[in-house]
Amino acid sequence: MRLFAGRGLGAGNFFWYAWKVADDRDRPLIFHPDVDSPSWAAEPLEGLSLNDIRVAVIRYANWYREQGVTAGTHVGVLTRNGLFGLLHHIALTGLGAAAVHCNPRMEPATAAEYFLRTEAGLVVGDDALLNACAGQWEAGAVDNAPRLQDIQVLDATATGPARPLAGFPHRHSPDDLVMISHSSGTTGRPKAPVFHHGSFFTGKRERLWTFPSLRTDRLLTALPHSHSAGISYLSMAILLGIPTLMLDGANGERAVQAINSFRPTTILGFPLTLAEIDPGEILPEAAQSIHTWNGMGDASHERHIRPLIALGSRGRGAKRVPGSVYLDGLGSSEMGMVLFKQAFTPTTSRYGRLIGAPARVVRRAAVLDEAGREVPAGQAGRLGVRTPSVTPGYWDDPGLNEESLVDGYFLTGDIVRRDAEGRWYHLDRTPDVIRTGDGDVHSLPLEEVVLLTTGALDTAVVAVEDPQAPEFTVPVAVVHYADSTERVPGDLLRACNAALDDAGLARLHALVIATGRDELPVGVTGKVLKRRLREEHRRLLHEPAGDSVAIAQRPAHSG
């Protein structure tokens, strides 16, 4: 209640409010294992308390102040160490500066351009990553390259101030810029949405009441900690005092190790990370602690949800029942918050890319046609939302936000439909719609069927050129398995098309079995890069099928 009622509480000062209201400032709160150690999962976990975080943050803030960082300064953060990223974020926003976060997996050329575009005059981070950026700037003869600082050296040498820092922590106004954190870049160059003190906290305020935060709760975050979602949920955990393990470089194997050692009750991650988790590798005593899985970004697939919710239990006391809940959230970097939420449990029977209903932070959502008019229930259209959590704009292209607005609705770039009962379904991203001679085909419902039919770990249905009508495209699927078992692509294609026929969906014209993860590439946040697949397989149906490809028998007409 004290947090919820705090009028000045926002995204830029969440830590200081948490420290102010806490009565257990020395309790271990944030745990950060060194995943580079071969035995990290078996080593004792030592957590940082609020007081530990405060001491480190003040040291960093003092160093930044000595470098001339003040309110309004942009400082880049590029590190694989998620804890460093969090601490430097708190230090920078405490000075009124903006943290410009960059995923450490981003290509050096893209990262170097991103920091220039966002006007970061100083970048702190891992030495190897900084050197890679410096090489790009030198090759391009950039004359305004940022100053660089090794984050490990900074940590080892930064000292606390001789006296309290004047004006620290900074008193924010709602429109103060606190962060720039790039979009996933799956449809092109990563954009640079900005996040303000007020709007970025809008959705979090209501979640102070609803996020699982009993004394017994423990949180594992397998999100990229440089992402806006990573920062968002870490701020929630600190505000609510939830013991939290931050997992660097998260994948399915590391997530299992973290679950077995930390025994979390709630696990956060992007869909691909959660999909990679092998439930059979989770120890029974660790599995029984789990009550919630929390996926976000793109909606998750039934094939990935069902094995996870079979674990753990939910409810309280005598009402506790077997099986956990999977909270599936649809959102994007620009939204600053999950916009749609759907809870799946072992008793759920309806899937098919169901995303549920708008979250409370959404004042209104609509399915719109190309002219911006609302379409009737059952028809597909563009998702438009009105929400105070939406980004105020893009640092690199302020006009882009205006282009995304139609009659007060922000266009999220998603294609959805709403049924007569008010349930919403995610059908596609706008660039991924397949324009066939028989009409538009949406890729995500097809992927749902392909995954259930093939049992693959991941898939993408993409548009390729129709040889019989080059002005149109047709759907093909690329599937990726985690094991090396030999499979016959023709058998998979026939099974998929039979299942698609039963579901009343468009058939696949080909199926490709990826021989490795690089043949179903993902971006820095784990989203499949469909634009690359479209480019690579554009003329797939014009060429003889290879050993890993099956092509369906062509009908007499397109579509």
Protein backbone atom coordinates (compact mmCIF):
# COMPACT_ATOMS: atom_id res chain seq x y z
CA MET A 1 0.00 0.00 0.00
CA ARG A 2 2.85 2.40 0.84
CA LEU A 3 4.37 1.74 -2.56
CA PHE A 4 1.07 1.93 -4.43
CA ALA A 5 0.24 5.25 -2.77
CA GLY A 6 3.67 6.76 -3.47
CA ARG A 7 2.86 9.53 -5.94
CA GLY A 8 6.47 10.07 -6.91
CA LEU A 9 7.18 6.38 -7.43
CA GLY A 10 8.12 5.57 -11.01
CA ALA A 11 10.51 3.70 -13.25
CA GLY A 12 13.43 6.00 -12.44
CA ASN A 13 13.42 5.73 -8.66
CA PHE A 14 11.89 2.31 -7.89
CA PHE A 15 14.95 1.16 -5.96
CA TRP A 16 15.00 4.14 -3.63
CA TYR A 17 11.31 3.72 -2.83
CA ALA A 18 11.86 0.02 -2.13
CA TRP A 19 14.81 0.80 0.16
CA LYS A 20 12.80 3.47 1.95
CA VAL A 21 9.81 1.27 2.81
CA ALA A 22 11.73 -1.98 3.50
CA ASP A 23 12.19 -3.17 7.08
CA ASP A 24 14.59 -5.97 6.09
CA ARG A 25 17.29 -4.18 4.13
CA ASP A 26 19.96 -6.77 4.96
CA ARG A 27 17.98 -9.79 3.72
CA PRO A 28 19.55 -11.45 0.63
CA LEU A 29 17.35 -10.48 -2.29
CA ILE A 30 19.12 -10.63 -5.69
CA PHE A 31 21.09 -13.79 -6.53
CA HIS A 32 23.44 -13.85 -9.50
CA PRO A 33 25.43 -17.04 -10.14
CA ASP A 34 28.59 -16.97 -12.25
CA VAL A 35 27.39 -19.15 -15.13
CA ASP A 36 30.93 -19.17 -16.59
CA SER A 37 31.96 -21.45 -13.73
CA PRO A 38 31.52 -25.12 -14.75
CA SER A 39 30.09 -25.94 -11.31
CA TRP A 40 27.93 -22.84 -10.85
CA ALA A 41 24.70 -24.75 -10.32
CA ALA A 42 26.22 -26.69 -7.40
CA GLU A 43 27.89 -23.71 -5.73
CA PRO A 44 26.28 -21.95 -2.73
CA LEU A 45 24.22 -18.94 -3.75
CA GLU A 46 24.99 -15.65 -2.04
CA GLY A 47 22.49 -12.89 -2.51
CA LEU A 48 22.79 -9.11 -2.45
CA SER A 49 20.59 -7.25 0.00
CA LEU A 50 19.04 -3.83 -0.52
CA ASN A 51 21.86 -2.36 1.54
CA ASP A 52 24.48 -4.18 -0.58
CA ILE A 53 22.88 -2.84 -3.76
CA ARG A 54 22.72 0.68 -2.33
CA VAL A 55 26.45 0.71 -1.49
CA ALA A 56 27.45 -0.52 -4.97
CA VAL A 57 25.07 1.89 -6.71
CA ILE A 58 26.41 4.91 -4.82
CA ARG A 59 29.99 3.92 -5.74
CA TYR A 60 29.04 3.74 -9.42
CA ALA A 61 27.04 6.97 -9.25
CA ASN A 62 30.05 8.74 -7.73
CA TRP A 63 32.23 7.49 -10.59
CA TYR A 64 29.69 8.65 -13.17
CA ARG A 65 29.40 12.04 -11.51
CA GLU A 66 33.21 12.39 -11.75
CA GLN A 67 32.93 11.65 -15.50
CA GLY A 68 30.49 14.51 -15.94
CA VAL A 69 27.31 12.42 -16.14
CA THR A 70 24.31 14.51 -15.11
CA ALA A 71 20.57 14.64 -15.68
CA GLY A 72 19.81 14.07 -19.35
CA THR A 73 23.10 12.31 -20.20
CA HIS A 74 22.81 9.12 -22.27
CA VAL A 75 25.11 6.29 -21.14
CA GLY A 76 25.35 2.98 -22.99
CA VAL A 77 25.46 -0.32 -21.09
CA LEU A 78 26.81 -3.39 -22.93
CA THR A 79 27.52 -6.37 -20.70
CA ARG A 80 26.81 -10.07 -20.39
CA ASN A 81 26.71 -9.61 -16.62
CA GLY A 82 23.03 -8.96 -15.85
CA LEU A 83 23.73 -7.84 -12.29
CA PHE A 84 26.14 -5.16 -13.50
CA GLY A 85 23.48 -4.03 -15.96
CA LEU A 86 20.89 -3.69 -13.20
CA LEU A 87 23.20 -1.87 -10.78
CA HIS A 88 24.40 0.58 -13.41
CA HIS A 89 20.81 1.19 -14.49
CA ILE A 90 19.90 2.17 -10.92
CA ALA A 91 23.02 4.36 -10.60
CA LEU A 92 22.41 6.19 -13.87
CA THR A 93 18.73 6.83 -13.29
CA GLY A 94 19.62 7.94 -9.76
CA LEU A 95 21.61 10.74 -11.41
CA GLY A 96 18.73 11.60 -13.75
CA ALA A 97 20.64 10.12 -16.70
CA ALA A 98 19.24 7.65 -19.22
CA ALA A 99 20.60 4.10 -19.48
CA VAL A 100 20.92 2.97 -23.10
CA HIS A 101 20.81 -0.82 -22.83
CA CYS A 102 22.10 -3.09 -25.60
CA ASN A 103 21.80 -6.87 -25.75
CA PRO A 104 25.32 -8.39 -25.60
CA ARG A 105 24.37 -10.84 -28.38
CA MET A 106 23.79 -8.04 -30.86
CA GLU A 107 26.10 -7.98 -33.88
CA PRO A 108 28.98 -5.52 -33.30
CA ALA A 109 28.11 -3.43 -36.34
CA THR A 110 24.48 -3.11 -35.19
CA ALA A 111 25.47 -2.33 -31.60
CA ALA A 112 28.00 0.30 -32.70
CA GLU A 113 25.41 2.00 -34.91
CA TYR A 114 22.79 1.80 -32.14
CA PHE A 115 24.97 3.67 -29.64
CA LEU A 116 25.72 6.39 -32.18
CA ARG A 117 22.06 6.70 -33.08
CA THR A 118 21.00 7.03 -29.44
CA GLU A 119 23.69 9.64 -28.72
CA ALA A 120 25.43 7.70 -25.97
CA GLY A 121 28.49 9.80 -25.13
CA LEU A 122 29.87 7.10 -22.81
CA VAL A 123 29.51 3.33 -23.00
CA VAL A 124 30.40 0.99 -20.14
CA GLY A 125 30.57 -2.75 -20.67
CA ASP A 126 32.60 -5.89 -21.18
CA ASP A 127 36.03 -5.20 -22.65
CA ALA A 128 35.66 -7.61 -25.59
CA LEU A 129 32.26 -6.20 -26.56
CA LEU A 130 33.51 -2.62 -26.31
CA ASN A 131 36.54 -3.45 -28.46
CA ALA A 132 34.25 -4.93 -31.12
CA CYS A 133 32.26 -1.67 -31.21
CA ALA A 134 35.46 0.39 -31.31
CA GLY A 135 36.62 -1.62 -34.31
CA GLN A 136 33.42 -0.74 -36.15
CA TRP A 137 33.79 2.96 -35.38
CA GLU A 138 37.43 2.95 -36.47
CA ALA A 139 36.59 1.16 -39.72
CA GLY A 140 33.90 3.75 -40.42
CA ALA A 141 36.17 6.67 -39.46
CA VAL A 142 33.58 7.86 -36.94
CA ASP A 143 34.72 11.12 -35.37
CA ASN A 144 32.12 11.27 -32.58
CA ALA A 145 32.56 7.79 -31.11
CA PRO A 146 31.59 7.40 -27.44
CA ARG A 147 34.11 7.10 -24.67
CA LEU A 148 34.49 3.53 -23.44
CA GLN A 149 34.97 2.07 -19.96
CA ASP A 150 35.59 -1.57 -19.00
CA ILE A 151 32.81 -2.36 -16.50
CA GLN A 152 35.00 -4.77 -14.51
CA VAL A 153 37.70 -2.14 -14.05
CA LEU A 154 35.06 0.40 -13.08
CA ASP A 155 33.72 -1.97 -10.42
CA ALA A 156 37.20 -2.62 -9.04
CA THR A 157 38.27 1.03 -8.86
CA ALA A 158 35.10 3.04 -8.16
CA THR A 159 35.00 4.47 -4.66
CA GLY A 160 32.24 5.97 -2.59
CA PRO A 161 31.93 9.75 -2.27
CA ALA A 162 33.58 11.58 0.63
CA ARG A 163 30.23 13.17 1.40
CA PRO A 164 26.64 12.51 0.24
CA LEU A 165 26.14 13.18 -3.47
CA ALA A 166 24.25 16.42 -3.96
CA GLY A 167 20.82 15.95 -5.55
CA PHE A 168 21.07 12.15 -5.40
CA PRO A 169 18.83 10.34 -5.98
CA HIS A 170 17.37 12.56 -8.67
CA ARG A 171 13.78 13.81 -8.28
CA HIS A 172 12.05 12.71 -11.47
CA SER A 173 9.12 14.24 -13.26
CA PRO A 174 6.77 11.89 -15.16
CA ASP A 175 8.22 12.81 -18.57
CA ASP A 176 11.88 12.27 -17.64
CA LEU A 177 13.68 9.85 -19.94
CA VAL A 178 15.08 6.96 -17.88
CA MET A 179 15.91 4.31 -20.47
CA ILE A 180 16.34 3.46 -24.13
CA SER A 181 16.17 -0.26 -24.86
CA HIS A 182 16.06 -1.50 -28.44
CA SER A 183 13.33 -3.59 -30.03
CA SER A 184 14.00 -7.16 -31.12
CA GLY A 185 14.89 -6.20 -34.69
CA THR A 186 13.15 -9.24 -36.16
CA THR A 187 11.55 -7.18 -38.93
CA GLY A 188 14.63 -5.03 -39.68
CA ARG A 189 16.99 -2.65 -37.90
CA PRO A 190 16.33 -2.59 -34.12
CA LYS A 191 14.32 0.50 -33.25
CA ALA A 192 15.07 2.61 -30.18
CA PRO A 193 11.88 3.14 -28.15
CA VAL A 194 12.23 5.50 -25.20
CA PHE A 195 10.90 4.88 -21.70
CA HIS A 196 9.82 7.62 -19.33
CA HIS A 197 9.68 7.69 -15.54
CA GLY A 198 5.88 7.85 -15.46
CA SER A 199 4.57 5.87 -18.43
CA PHE A 200 7.00 2.96 -18.04
CA PHE A 201 5.69 2.43 -14.51
CA THR A 202 1.99 2.65 -15.35
CA GLY A 203 1.39 -1.08 -15.68
CA LYS A 204 3.67 -1.99 -12.79
CA ARG A 205 1.67 -0.01 -10.26
CA GLU A 206 -1.40 -2.24 -10.60
CA ARG A 207 0.78 -5.36 -10.57
CA LEU A 208 1.98 -4.49 -7.09
CA TRP A 209 -1.30 -6.12 -6.03
CA THR A 210 -1.38 -9.09 -8.40
CA PHE A 211 2.20 -10.36 -8.88
CA PRO A 212 2.93 -13.50 -6.77
CA SER A 213 4.77 -12.16 -3.73
CA LEU A 214 4.08 -14.32 -0.69
CA ARG A 215 6.89 -14.81 1.81
CA THR A 216 7.41 -18.24 0.27
CA ASP A 217 7.75 -17.00 -3.31
CA ARG A 218 11.04 -17.09 -5.19
CA LEU A 219 11.55 -15.79 -8.72
CA LEU A 220 13.81 -16.99 -11.53
CA THR A 221 14.19 -14.53 -14.40
CA ALA A 222 15.58 -16.01 -17.59
CA LEU A 223 14.83 -12.83 -19.55
CA PRO A 224 17.62 -10.89 -21.27
CA HIS A 225 18.46 -8.43 -18.51
CA SER A 226 19.31 -5.69 -21.01
CA HIS A 227 15.76 -5.82 -22.40
CA SER A 228 13.03 -3.49 -21.17
CA ALA A 229 11.10 -6.55 -19.93
CA GLY A 230 14.12 -7.72 -17.95
CA ILE A 231 14.51 -4.34 -16.24
CA SER A 232 10.76 -4.11 -15.71
CA TYR A 233 10.42 -7.41 -13.86
CA LEU A 234 13.57 -6.89 -11.82
CA SER A 235 12.15 -3.59 -10.60
CA MET A 236 8.93 -5.41 -9.66
CA ALA A 237 10.87 -8.06 -7.75
CA ILE A 238 12.84 -5.46 -5.81
CA LEU A 239 9.74 -3.43 -4.98
CA LEU A 240 7.93 -6.52 -3.72
CA GLY A 241 10.95 -7.99 -1.92
CA ILE A 242 10.90 -11.29 -3.85
CA PRO A 243 14.16 -13.30 -3.66
CA THR A 244 15.21 -13.41 -7.32
CA LEU A 245 17.83 -15.29 -9.29
CA MET A 246 19.09 -13.49 -12.40
CA LEU A 247 20.24 -16.01 -15.02
CA ASP A 248 22.73 -14.75 -17.60
CA GLY A 249 22.79 -16.19 -21.13
CA ALA A 250 19.64 -18.15 -20.41
CA ASN A 251 18.73 -21.22 -22.43
CA GLY A 252 16.74 -24.32 -21.59
CA GLU A 253 19.65 -26.22 -20.04
CA ARG A 254 20.73 -23.33 -17.82
CA ALA A 255 17.14 -22.68 -16.79
CA VAL A 256 16.78 -26.30 -15.64
CA GLN A 257 20.00 -26.02 -13.62
CA ALA A 258 18.79 -22.81 -12.02
CA ILE A 259 15.40 -24.34 -11.17
CA ASN A 260 17.05 -27.34 -9.54
CA SER A 261 19.42 -25.24 -7.43
CA PHE A 262 17.25 -22.19 -6.57
CA ARG A 263 13.80 -23.86 -6.29
CA PRO A 264 11.79 -20.90 -7.67
CA THR A 265 8.03 -20.71 -7.46
CA THR A 266 7.76 -18.46 -10.56
CA ILE A 267 9.85 -18.65 -13.74
CA LEU A 268 10.00 -15.76 -16.23
CA GLY A 269 11.27 -16.05 -19.79
CA PHE A 270 10.69 -15.36 -23.43
CA PRO A 271 8.83 -18.21 -25.18
CA LEU A 272 11.84 -19.89 -26.81
CA THR A 273 13.77 -20.17 -23.53
CA LEU A 274 10.78 -21.74 -21.80
CA ALA A 275 10.23 -24.03 -24.81
CA GLU A 276 13.79 -25.34 -24.50
CA ILE A 277 13.26 -26.51 -20.91
CA ASP A 278 13.19 -30.31 -20.61
CA PRO A 279 10.66 -31.04 -17.83
CA GLY A 280 12.19 -34.48 -17.35
CA GLU A 281 15.46 -32.89 -16.21
CA ILE A 282 13.82 -30.92 -13.39
CA LEU A 283 14.21 -32.66 -10.03
CA PRO A 284 10.89 -33.70 -8.46
CA GLU A 285 11.60 -31.71 -5.30
CA ALA A 286 12.30 -28.61 -7.42
CA ALA A 287 9.31 -29.16 -9.70
CA GLN A 288 6.86 -29.30 -6.79
CA SER A 289 7.79 -25.73 -5.79
CA ILE A 290 6.65 -24.24 -9.12
CA HIS A 291 3.23 -22.62 -9.32
CA THR A 292 3.67 -20.14 -12.22
CA TRP A 293 5.41 -19.89 -15.58
CA ASN A 294 5.39 -16.45 -17.13
CA GLY A 295 6.02 -16.15 -20.88
CA MET A 296 5.90 -12.81 -22.65
CA GLY A 297 6.55 -11.03 -25.93
CA ASP A 298 5.11 -13.26 -28.62
CA ALA A 299 2.33 -15.62 -27.55
CA SER A 300 3.45 -19.16 -26.74
CA HIS A 301 2.47 -22.42 -28.46
CA GLU A 302 0.38 -25.21 -26.94
CA ARG A 303 3.18 -27.67 -27.77
CA HIS A 304 5.47 -25.78 -25.38
CA ILE A 305 2.97 -24.90 -22.64
CA ARG A 306 1.46 -28.31 -21.84
CA PRO A 307 4.65 -30.11 -20.64
CA LEU A 308 5.46 -27.24 -18.24
CA ILE A 309 2.05 -26.89 -16.60
CA ALA A 310 2.06 -30.61 -15.82
CA LEU A 311 4.69 -29.77 -13.18
CA GLY A 312 4.17 -28.26 -9.74
CA SER A 313 0.94 -27.25 -8.06
CA ARG A 314 -1.24 -24.20 -7.61
CA GLY A 315 -3.72 -22.84 -5.10
CA ARG A 316 -3.51 -22.66 -1.31
CA GLY A 317 -3.83 -25.12 1.54
CA ALA A 318 -6.51 -27.75 1.08
CA LYS A 319 -7.48 -26.18 -2.26
CA ARG A 320 -4.05 -26.85 -3.74
CA VAL A 321 -4.27 -28.91 -6.95
CA PRO A 322 -1.64 -30.57 -9.15
CA GLY A 323 -0.20 -28.64 -12.05
CA SER A 324 1.06 -25.10 -12.45
CA VAL A 325 -0.26 -22.13 -14.43
CA TYR A 326 1.31 -20.64 -17.55
CA LEU A 327 0.64 -16.90 -17.83
CA ASP A 328 1.03 -16.12 -21.50
CA GLY A 329 1.51 -12.44 -22.26
CA LEU A 330 1.47 -10.70 -25.62
CA GLY A 331 3.36 -7.42 -25.74
CA SER A 332 6.23 -5.60 -27.38
CA SER A 333 9.11 -3.28 -26.52
CA GLU A 334 7.04 -0.27 -27.58
CA MET A 335 4.18 -1.12 -25.21
CA GLY A 336 6.28 -1.07 -22.03
CA MET A 337 3.95 -3.73 -20.62
CA VAL A 338 2.23 -6.99 -21.48
CA LEU A 339 -1.02 -6.00 -23.19
CA PHE A 340 -2.91 -9.30 -23.29
CA LYS A 341 -2.80 -12.09 -20.71
CA GLN A 342 -4.11 -15.63 -20.79
CA ALA A 343 -3.74 -18.22 -18.03
CA PHE A 344 -3.32 -21.85 -19.10
CA THR A 345 -3.62 -24.76 -16.63
CA PRO A 346 -3.80 -28.54 -17.07
CA THR A 347 -7.59 -28.25 -17.39
CA THR A 348 -7.41 -25.74 -20.28
CA SER A 349 -8.82 -27.08 -23.53
CA ARG A 350 -8.80 -23.96 -25.73
CA TYR A 351 -5.47 -22.93 -27.31
CA GLY A 352 -5.00 -22.08 -31.01
CA ARG A 353 -3.03 -18.86 -30.29
CA LEU A 354 -5.56 -17.66 -27.73
CA ILE A 355 -4.21 -14.53 -26.02
CA GLY A 356 -7.18 -13.96 -23.72
CA ALA A 357 -8.29 -10.44 -22.93
CA PRO A 358 -6.60 -7.03 -22.65
CA ALA A 359 -4.75 -6.26 -19.43
CA ARG A 360 -6.07 -3.53 -17.16
CA VAL A 361 -3.44 -1.09 -18.41
CA VAL A 362 -5.13 -1.19 -21.85
CA ARG A 363 -7.91 1.39 -21.91
CA ARG A 364 -9.27 0.10 -25.21
CA ALA A 365 -8.25 -2.46 -27.84
CA ALA A 366 -9.68 -2.89 -31.32
CA VAL A 367 -9.31 -4.97 -34.48
CA LEU A 368 -8.87 -2.49 -37.34
CA ASP A 369 -8.89 -2.72 -41.13
CA GLU A 370 -6.41 -0.89 -43.38
CA ALA A 371 -8.51 2.29 -43.16
CA GLY A 372 -8.53 2.23 -39.36
CA ARG A 373 -12.14 1.11 -39.03
CA GLU A 374 -13.15 -1.54 -36.51
CA VAL A 375 -14.05 -4.88 -38.09
CA PRO A 376 -16.78 -7.26 -36.89
CA ALA A 377 -16.07 -10.12 -34.49
CA GLY A 378 -14.47 -13.09 -36.21
CA GLN A 379 -12.61 -11.06 -38.84
CA ALA A 380 -8.84 -10.60 -38.81
CA GLY A 381 -7.29 -7.15 -38.65
CA ARG A 382 -4.58 -4.97 -37.20
CA LEU A 383 -4.35 -4.70 -33.42
CA GLY A 384 -4.76 -1.15 -32.15
CA VAL A 385 -4.49 -0.22 -28.48
CA ARG A 386 -4.97 2.85 -26.36
CA THR A 387 -2.80 2.64 -23.27
CA PRO A 388 -0.81 5.11 -21.17
CA SER A 389 2.07 2.60 -21.07
CA VAL A 390 2.93 2.97 -24.77
CA THR A 391 6.35 4.43 -25.57
CA PRO A 392 6.29 8.21 -26.08
CA GLY A 393 8.29 7.60 -29.27
CA TYR A 394 11.54 6.40 -30.82
CA TRP A 395 14.74 8.27 -30.12
CA ASP A 396 16.08 7.67 -33.61
CA ASP A 397 12.81 8.41 -35.43
CA PRO A 398 10.27 10.50 -33.47
CA GLY A 399 7.94 10.59 -36.46
CA LEU A 400 7.64 6.82 -36.53
CA ASN A 401 5.35 6.91 -33.52
CA GLU A 402 2.98 9.25 -35.38
CA GLU A 403 2.90 6.82 -38.30
CA SER A 404 1.86 4.07 -35.88
CA LEU A 405 -1.16 6.03 -34.63
CA VAL A 406 -4.61 5.67 -36.21
CA ASP A 407 -7.54 7.51 -34.61
CA GLY A 408 -5.77 7.43 -31.24
CA TYR A 409 -4.91 3.74 -31.50
CA PHE A 410 -1.29 2.62 -31.49
CA LEU A 411 -0.76 -0.09 -34.10
CA THR A 412 1.33 -2.82 -32.47
CA GLY A 413 2.25 -4.55 -35.74
CA ASP A 414 0.14 -7.61 -34.87
CA ILE A 415 -2.71 -9.26 -36.76
CA VAL A 416 -5.46 -10.53 -34.44
CA ARG A 417 -9.11 -11.50 -34.35
CA ARG A 418 -11.72 -11.35 -31.60
CA ASP A 419 -14.47 -13.95 -31.42
CA ALA A 420 -18.10 -13.34 -30.48
CA GLU A 421 -17.40 -14.24 -26.84
CA GLY A 422 -14.71 -11.57 -26.56
CA ARG A 423 -11.70 -13.89 -26.74
CA TRP A 424 -8.70 -12.61 -28.68
CA TYR A 425 -6.34 -14.64 -30.90
CA HIS A 426 -2.90 -13.75 -32.23
CA LEU A 427 -2.64 -14.59 -35.94
CA ASP A 428 0.53 -12.94 -37.24
CA ARG A 429 2.96 -10.06 -37.35
CA THR A 430 2.09 -7.64 -40.15
CA PRO A 431 5.20 -8.30 -42.32
CA ASP A 432 4.72 -12.07 -42.02
CA VAL A 433 1.25 -12.38 -43.55
CA ILE A 434 1.37 -14.71 -46.58
CA ARG A 435 -0.35 -13.17 -49.61
CA THR A 436 -1.63 -16.10 -51.65
CA GLY A 437 -3.77 -16.18 -54.77
CA ASP A 438 -6.66 -17.41 -52.63
CA GLY A 439 -6.33 -14.65 -50.02
CA ASP A 440 -4.25 -13.90 -46.96
CA VAL A 441 -2.86 -16.78 -44.91
CA HIS A 442 -1.73 -16.14 -41.33
CA SER A 443 1.35 -18.02 -40.25
CA LEU A 444 0.88 -18.46 -36.49
CA PRO A 445 -2.21 -20.76 -36.49
CA LEU A 446 -0.38 -22.92 -39.04
CA GLU A 447 2.68 -23.05 -36.79
CA GLU A 448 0.50 -24.20 -33.90
CA VAL A 449 -0.67 -27.20 -35.96
CA VAL A 450 2.83 -27.94 -37.32
CA LEU A 451 4.36 -28.04 -33.83
CA LEU A 452 1.64 -30.28 -32.42
CA THR A 453 1.84 -32.62 -35.41
CA THR A 454 5.62 -32.89 -35.75
CA GLY A 455 6.68 -32.56 -32.11
CA ALA A 456 9.46 -30.22 -33.26
CA LEU A 457 11.13 -27.84 -30.82
CA ASP A 458 10.53 -24.82 -33.03
CA THR A 459 9.07 -23.91 -36.40
CA ALA A 460 8.37 -21.01 -38.71
CA VAL A 461 5.82 -20.84 -41.50
CA VAL A 462 6.92 -18.28 -44.08
CA ALA A 463 5.99 -16.99 -47.52
CA VAL A 464 7.87 -18.17 -50.60
CA GLU A 465 7.31 -17.36 -54.26
CA ASP A 466 4.49 -19.20 -55.99
CA PRO A 467 5.96 -20.60 -59.25
CA GLN A 468 2.54 -20.64 -60.90
CA ALA A 469 1.75 -17.04 -59.95
CA PRO A 470 4.92 -15.04 -59.15
CA GLU A 471 2.88 -12.07 -57.92
CA PHE A 472 1.67 -14.25 -55.02
CA THR A 473 3.28 -16.32 -52.28
CA VAL A 474 2.46 -19.63 -50.60
CA PRO A 475 3.24 -21.06 -47.13
CA VAL A 476 6.12 -23.40 -46.34
CA ALA A 477 7.31 -24.60 -42.93
CA VAL A 478 10.82 -24.91 -41.54
CA VAL A 479 11.03 -27.18 -38.49
CA HIS A 480 13.87 -27.64 -36.00
CA TYR A 481 14.39 -30.55 -33.62
CA ALA A 482 16.58 -30.57 -30.53
CA ASP A 483 17.76 -34.13 -31.19
CA SER A 484 19.55 -35.78 -34.12
CA THR A 485 16.92 -38.43 -34.92
CA GLU A 486 16.51 -38.92 -38.68
CA ARG A 487 13.09 -37.98 -39.99
CA VAL A 488 11.48 -38.16 -43.42
CA PRO A 489 10.34 -34.67 -44.52
CA GLY A 490 7.70 -36.12 -46.84
CA ASP A 491 6.05 -38.01 -43.98
CA LEU A 492 6.01 -34.86 -41.85
CA LEU A 493 4.56 -32.77 -44.66
CA ARG A 494 1.74 -35.24 -45.33
CA ALA A 495 0.88 -35.42 -41.62
CA CYS A 496 0.90 -31.65 -41.28
CA ASN A 497 -1.34 -31.10 -44.27
CA ALA A 498 -3.82 -33.70 -43.05
CA ALA A 499 -3.96 -31.93 -39.68
CA LEU A 500 -4.30 -28.52 -41.39
CA ASP A 501 -7.17 -29.89 -43.48
CA ASP A 502 -8.91 -31.03 -40.29
CA ALA A 503 -8.42 -27.57 -38.77
CA GLY A 504 -9.73 -25.81 -41.87
CA LEU A 505 -6.41 -24.04 -42.46
CA ALA A 506 -4.31 -23.52 -45.56
CA ARG A 507 -2.00 -26.34 -46.61
CA LEU A 508 1.79 -26.17 -46.67
CA HIS A 509 3.45 -26.27 -50.08
CA ALA A 510 6.73 -27.54 -48.65
CA LEU A 511 8.43 -28.55 -45.43
CA VAL A 512 12.10 -28.11 -44.61
CA ILE A 513 13.86 -29.90 -41.75
CA ALA A 514 16.55 -27.58 -40.39
CA THR A 515 19.83 -29.41 -39.90
CA GLY A 516 20.83 -26.97 -37.14
CA ARG A 517 19.65 -23.95 -35.21
CA ASP A 518 21.33 -21.66 -37.75
CA GLU A 519 18.83 -22.86 -40.38
CA LEU A 520 15.99 -21.54 -38.21
CA PRO A 521 17.78 -18.39 -36.99
CA VAL A 522 16.61 -16.33 -34.04
CA GLY A 523 17.37 -12.78 -33.00
CA VAL A 524 18.82 -11.54 -29.73
CA THR A 525 15.51 -12.03 -27.89
CA GLY A 526 14.87 -15.54 -29.27
CA LYS A 527 12.34 -14.61 -31.96
CA VAL A 528 12.68 -16.41 -35.29
CA LEU A 529 14.03 -14.13 -38.02
CA LYS A 530 11.37 -14.81 -40.62
CA ARG A 531 12.67 -12.13 -42.97
CA ARG A 532 15.90 -14.14 -43.33
CA LEU A 533 13.95 -17.32 -44.00
CA ARG A 534 11.86 -15.57 -46.65
CA GLU A 535 15.03 -14.41 -48.37
CA GLU A 536 16.75 -17.79 -48.13
CA HIS A 537 13.79 -19.88 -49.30
CA ARG A 538 12.19 -17.41 -51.72
CA ARG A 539 12.72 -19.69 -54.75
CA LEU A 540 12.40 -22.99 -52.88
CA LEU A 541 9.55 -24.22 -55.08
CA HIS A 542 11.45 -23.43 -58.27
CA GLU A 543 14.25 -25.85 -57.42
CA PRO A 544 14.63 -29.64 -56.97
CA ALA A 545 13.98 -30.77 -53.39
CA GLY A 546 17.03 -31.69 -51.34
CA ASP A 547 17.24 -34.47 -48.75
CA SER A 548 15.82 -32.26 -46.00
CA VAL A 549 13.00 -30.81 -48.13
CA ALA A 550 9.60 -32.16 -49.14
CA ILE A 551 7.44 -30.39 -51.70
CA ALA A 552 3.72 -31.02 -51.88
CA GLN A 553 2.07 -32.12 -55.08
CA ARG A 554 0.94 -28.97 -56.82
CA PRO A 555 -2.78 -28.33 -57.34
CA ALA A 556 -3.94 -26.96 -60.64
CA HIS A 557 -4.35 -23.47 -59.17
CA SER A 558 -2.47 -21.27 -56.71
CA GLY A 559 -3.17 -21.06 -52.95
